[in-house]
Amino acid sequence: MDIKSSQINFQQTLTEEVDSLCQRVFQSLVIVHSGRHGAGAGLIWRQDGSIVTNYHVLRKGSPRIADMDGHEYQAEAIARDKQYDLALLKIDAPEPLLPAPIADSRRLRVGQFTLAVGHPWGQIGAVSAGVITGLGSIPLRWRRRSADVIRTDAGLAPGSSGGPLLDAEGGVIGINTMVMGGDLGIAIPSHVVDEFVDQKLGKID
């Protein structure tokens, strides 16, 4: 096999793999409509209808949720945390929902491949690629602690917020939350999100 054929095969394989990862996560991706604030992304976190998004996507009120097939639901806001920029929603769906596959974000390394999925500028289910550029923490105001964060150069824009950050196997390693410095995205690690959900659902103290 010559070099050109090898390159074509690699490109085809990579494209097929990325498409497969995205199609899986699309089954758990939702659109969060929150009044005049426009639309952001959200992710089905539990089979019982628990959905995670950003605090700044939700703000106030009762949002409407739409899945990627166009089905709409009225959501109940279970919890909001401004400092972590997280919100927990609940919908009552007629059938069990498919939660996203969650990866262990405590084992991340700088340089890992990432995919950011969301609805930037109203483009439903858009995907951008990059790597983890840094792992660190930011101080929380009014709390004597800091919050873990993931930094990535996968492109984020308004509408990406609340969408998943994926690893190379399609596992959710974080929830995208903001753009910093114009070219770096910030995501909340999945282990932080998982603890938030468990606390708000009363599973841990």
Protein backbone atom coordinates (compact mmCIF):
# COMPACT_ATOMS: atom_id res chain seq x y z
CA MET A 1 0.00 0.00 0.00
CA ASP A 2 1.47 3.37 -0.98
CA ILE A 3 1.64 6.40 1.32
CA LYS A 4 -1.26 8.20 -0.38
CA SER A 5 -3.57 5.20 0.01
CA SER A 6 -2.56 4.88 3.66
CA GLN A 7 -3.39 8.52 4.27
CA ILE A 8 -6.81 8.15 2.62
CA ASN A 9 -7.60 5.04 4.67
CA PHE A 10 -6.53 6.78 7.89
CA GLN A 11 -8.70 9.80 7.10
CA GLN A 12 -11.69 7.58 6.33
CA THR A 13 -11.22 5.56 9.51
CA LEU A 14 -10.82 8.68 11.65
CA THR A 15 -13.89 10.30 10.08
CA GLU A 16 -15.97 7.17 10.66
CA GLU A 17 -14.81 6.89 14.27
CA VAL A 18 -15.58 10.53 15.08
CA ASP A 19 -18.98 10.24 13.39
CA SER A 20 -19.75 7.12 15.45
CA LEU A 21 -18.80 8.87 18.70
CA CYS A 22 -20.96 11.87 17.84
CA GLN A 23 -23.98 9.79 16.84
CA ARG A 24 -23.86 8.04 20.23
CA VAL A 25 -23.71 11.25 22.22
CA PHE A 26 -26.43 12.87 20.09
CA GLN A 27 -28.84 10.37 21.66
CA SER A 28 -28.20 12.03 25.03
CA LEU A 29 -27.82 15.64 23.83
CA VAL A 30 -30.68 18.10 24.27
CA ILE A 31 -31.47 21.72 23.45
CA VAL A 32 -32.33 23.95 26.40
CA HIS A 33 -34.70 26.81 25.56
CA SER A 34 -34.69 29.33 28.38
CA GLY A 35 -36.80 32.34 27.43
CA ARG A 36 -35.08 35.37 26.02
CA HIS A 37 -31.65 33.98 26.86
CA GLY A 38 -31.84 31.81 23.75
CA ALA A 39 -30.84 28.17 23.50
CA GLY A 40 -27.99 26.24 25.03
CA ALA A 41 -27.11 22.59 25.32
CA GLY A 42 -27.80 20.01 27.98
CA LEU A 43 -26.98 16.37 28.55
CA ILE A 44 -29.06 13.46 29.84
CA TRP A 45 -27.12 12.37 32.91
CA ARG A 46 -29.47 9.79 34.41
CA GLN A 47 -32.03 7.44 32.90
CA ASP A 48 -34.70 8.94 35.18
CA GLY A 49 -34.78 12.17 33.17
CA SER A 50 -32.07 14.09 35.03
CA ILE A 51 -30.39 16.58 32.70
CA VAL A 52 -27.29 18.68 33.34
CA THR A 53 -26.64 22.09 31.84
CA ASN A 54 -24.95 25.33 32.88
CA TYR A 55 -26.37 27.76 35.41
CA HIS A 56 -25.91 30.62 32.96
CA VAL A 57 -27.89 28.73 30.30
CA LEU A 58 -30.82 28.24 32.64
CA ARG A 59 -30.91 31.44 34.70
CA LYS A 60 -34.51 31.69 35.92
CA GLY A 61 -37.82 30.18 34.92
CA SER A 62 -38.84 26.76 33.69
CA PRO A 63 -37.04 25.82 30.48
CA ARG A 64 -38.28 23.78 27.56
CA ILE A 65 -36.17 20.82 26.50
CA ALA A 66 -35.97 19.41 22.99
CA ASP A 67 -34.12 16.27 22.01
CA MET A 68 -32.32 15.79 18.72
CA ASP A 69 -35.43 14.19 17.20
CA GLY A 70 -37.51 17.29 17.90
CA HIS A 71 -39.55 15.99 20.83
CA GLU A 72 -40.18 18.73 23.40
CA TYR A 73 -40.66 18.53 27.17
CA GLN A 74 -41.30 21.01 29.94
CA ALA A 75 -38.48 20.72 32.46
CA GLU A 76 -38.40 21.25 36.20
CA ALA A 77 -35.36 23.03 37.62
CA ILE A 78 -34.16 20.83 40.48
CA ALA A 79 -31.03 22.74 41.47
CA ARG A 80 -28.84 25.65 40.43
CA ASP A 81 -25.27 26.43 41.47
CA LYS A 82 -23.95 29.75 40.19
CA GLN A 83 -20.35 29.27 41.32
CA TYR A 84 -19.91 25.87 39.69
CA ASP A 85 -22.05 27.10 36.77
CA LEU A 86 -24.18 23.96 36.95
CA ALA A 87 -27.90 23.34 36.88
CA LEU A 88 -29.91 20.14 37.23
CA LEU A 89 -33.17 19.69 35.35
CA LYS A 90 -35.74 16.91 35.33
CA ILE A 91 -38.15 15.91 32.59
CA ASP A 92 -40.94 13.36 32.59
CA ALA A 93 -40.46 11.34 29.41
CA PRO A 94 -42.83 8.55 28.34
CA GLU A 95 -39.90 6.13 27.87
CA PRO A 96 -36.60 5.64 29.72
CA LEU A 97 -33.94 8.04 28.46
CA LEU A 98 -30.46 7.12 27.30
CA PRO A 99 -27.86 8.72 29.58
CA ALA A 100 -24.51 9.74 28.19
CA PRO A 101 -21.50 7.48 28.87
CA ILE A 102 -19.50 9.17 31.65
CA ALA A 103 -15.71 8.80 31.77
CA ASP A 104 -13.46 9.29 34.81
CA SER A 105 -12.16 12.85 34.53
CA ARG A 106 -9.73 12.29 37.42
CA ARG A 107 -7.45 10.39 35.04
CA LEU A 108 -7.09 13.04 32.35
CA ARG A 109 -3.76 14.13 30.94
CA VAL A 110 -2.65 17.24 29.07
CA GLY A 111 -2.54 16.55 25.34
CA GLN A 112 -5.50 14.16 25.26
CA PHE A 113 -7.77 14.41 22.22
CA THR A 114 -11.16 16.02 22.87
CA LEU A 115 -14.43 16.69 21.05
CA ALA A 116 -16.74 19.52 22.13
CA VAL A 117 -20.40 19.05 21.19
CA GLY A 118 -23.16 21.65 21.43
CA HIS A 119 -25.22 24.17 19.52
CA PRO A 120 -22.86 27.12 18.83
CA TRP A 121 -24.56 30.08 17.15
CA GLY A 122 -27.69 27.97 16.76
CA GLN A 123 -25.97 25.18 14.79
CA ILE A 124 -27.62 22.14 16.34
CA GLY A 125 -25.24 19.31 17.14
CA ALA A 126 -22.06 21.02 15.99
CA VAL A 127 -18.71 19.42 16.84
CA SER A 128 -15.22 20.85 17.28
CA ALA A 129 -11.97 19.03 18.03
CA GLY A 130 -8.89 19.85 20.08
CA VAL A 131 -6.74 18.66 22.94
CA ILE A 132 -6.62 19.23 26.66
CA THR A 133 -4.26 22.16 27.10
CA GLY A 134 -4.33 22.29 30.90
CA LEU A 135 -5.79 20.84 34.08
CA GLY A 136 -6.21 23.15 37.02
CA SER A 137 -8.62 24.88 39.35
CA ILE A 138 -10.27 28.23 39.87
CA PRO A 139 -11.19 29.83 43.23
CA LEU A 140 -14.84 29.93 44.23
CA ARG A 141 -16.10 33.18 45.68
CA TRP A 142 -17.75 32.90 49.08
CA ARG A 143 -16.41 29.35 49.47
CA ARG A 144 -13.11 28.39 51.01
CA ARG A 145 -12.25 26.03 48.20
CA SER A 146 -11.55 25.87 44.48
CA ALA A 147 -13.16 24.05 41.58
CA ASP A 148 -11.38 21.70 39.19
CA VAL A 149 -11.51 22.71 35.52
CA ILE A 150 -10.41 21.37 32.16
CA ARG A 151 -8.87 23.70 29.60
CA THR A 152 -9.17 22.78 25.93
CA ASP A 153 -8.53 24.40 22.57
CA ALA A 154 -11.62 22.72 21.06
CA GLY A 155 -13.65 25.64 19.75
CA LEU A 156 -16.54 26.89 21.91
CA ALA A 157 -19.04 29.66 21.18
CA PRO A 158 -22.42 30.86 22.50
CA GLY A 159 -24.67 27.80 22.36
CA SER A 160 -21.85 25.37 23.21
CA SER A 161 -22.53 25.89 26.91
CA GLY A 162 -23.95 22.87 28.68
CA GLY A 163 -22.75 20.46 26.00
CA PRO A 164 -20.34 17.59 26.59
CA LEU A 165 -16.59 17.45 26.23
CA LEU A 166 -15.68 13.95 25.04
CA ASP A 167 -12.53 11.85 25.13
CA ALA A 168 -11.28 9.73 22.23
CA GLU A 169 -13.56 6.84 23.27
CA GLY A 170 -16.69 8.98 23.37
CA GLY A 171 -16.88 9.19 27.15
CA VAL A 172 -18.03 12.46 28.69
CA ILE A 173 -15.11 14.02 30.55
CA GLY A 174 -16.71 17.40 31.19
CA ILE A 175 -19.48 19.92 30.61
CA ASN A 176 -18.45 22.93 28.53
CA THR A 177 -19.03 26.22 30.29
CA MET A 178 -17.11 29.20 28.91
CA VAL A 179 -14.44 30.63 26.63
CA MET A 180 -11.37 32.15 28.27
CA GLY A 181 -8.92 34.47 26.60
CA GLY A 182 -10.70 34.18 23.27
CA ASP A 183 -9.19 30.82 22.29
CA LEU A 184 -9.43 28.41 25.23
CA GLY A 185 -12.52 26.59 26.38
CA ILE A 186 -13.27 25.72 29.99
CA ALA A 187 -15.16 22.59 31.00
CA ILE A 188 -16.35 21.32 34.38
CA PRO A 189 -14.91 17.81 34.92
CA SER A 190 -17.37 14.93 34.87
CA HIS A 191 -16.48 13.80 38.41
CA VAL A 192 -17.46 17.26 39.71
CA VAL A 193 -20.73 17.12 37.77
CA ASP A 194 -21.44 13.61 39.04
CA GLU A 195 -20.97 14.72 42.66
CA PHE A 196 -23.25 17.71 42.06
CA VAL A 197 -25.99 15.50 40.62
CA ASP A 198 -25.73 12.94 43.42
CA GLN A 199 -25.89 15.63 46.08
CA LYS A 200 -28.92 17.30 44.56
CA LEU A 201 -30.72 13.98 44.13
CA GLY A 202 -29.98 13.14 47.77
CA LYS A 203 -27.67 10.19 47.07
CA ILE A 204 -24.82 11.49 49.20
CA ASP A 205 -24.52 13.91 52.12
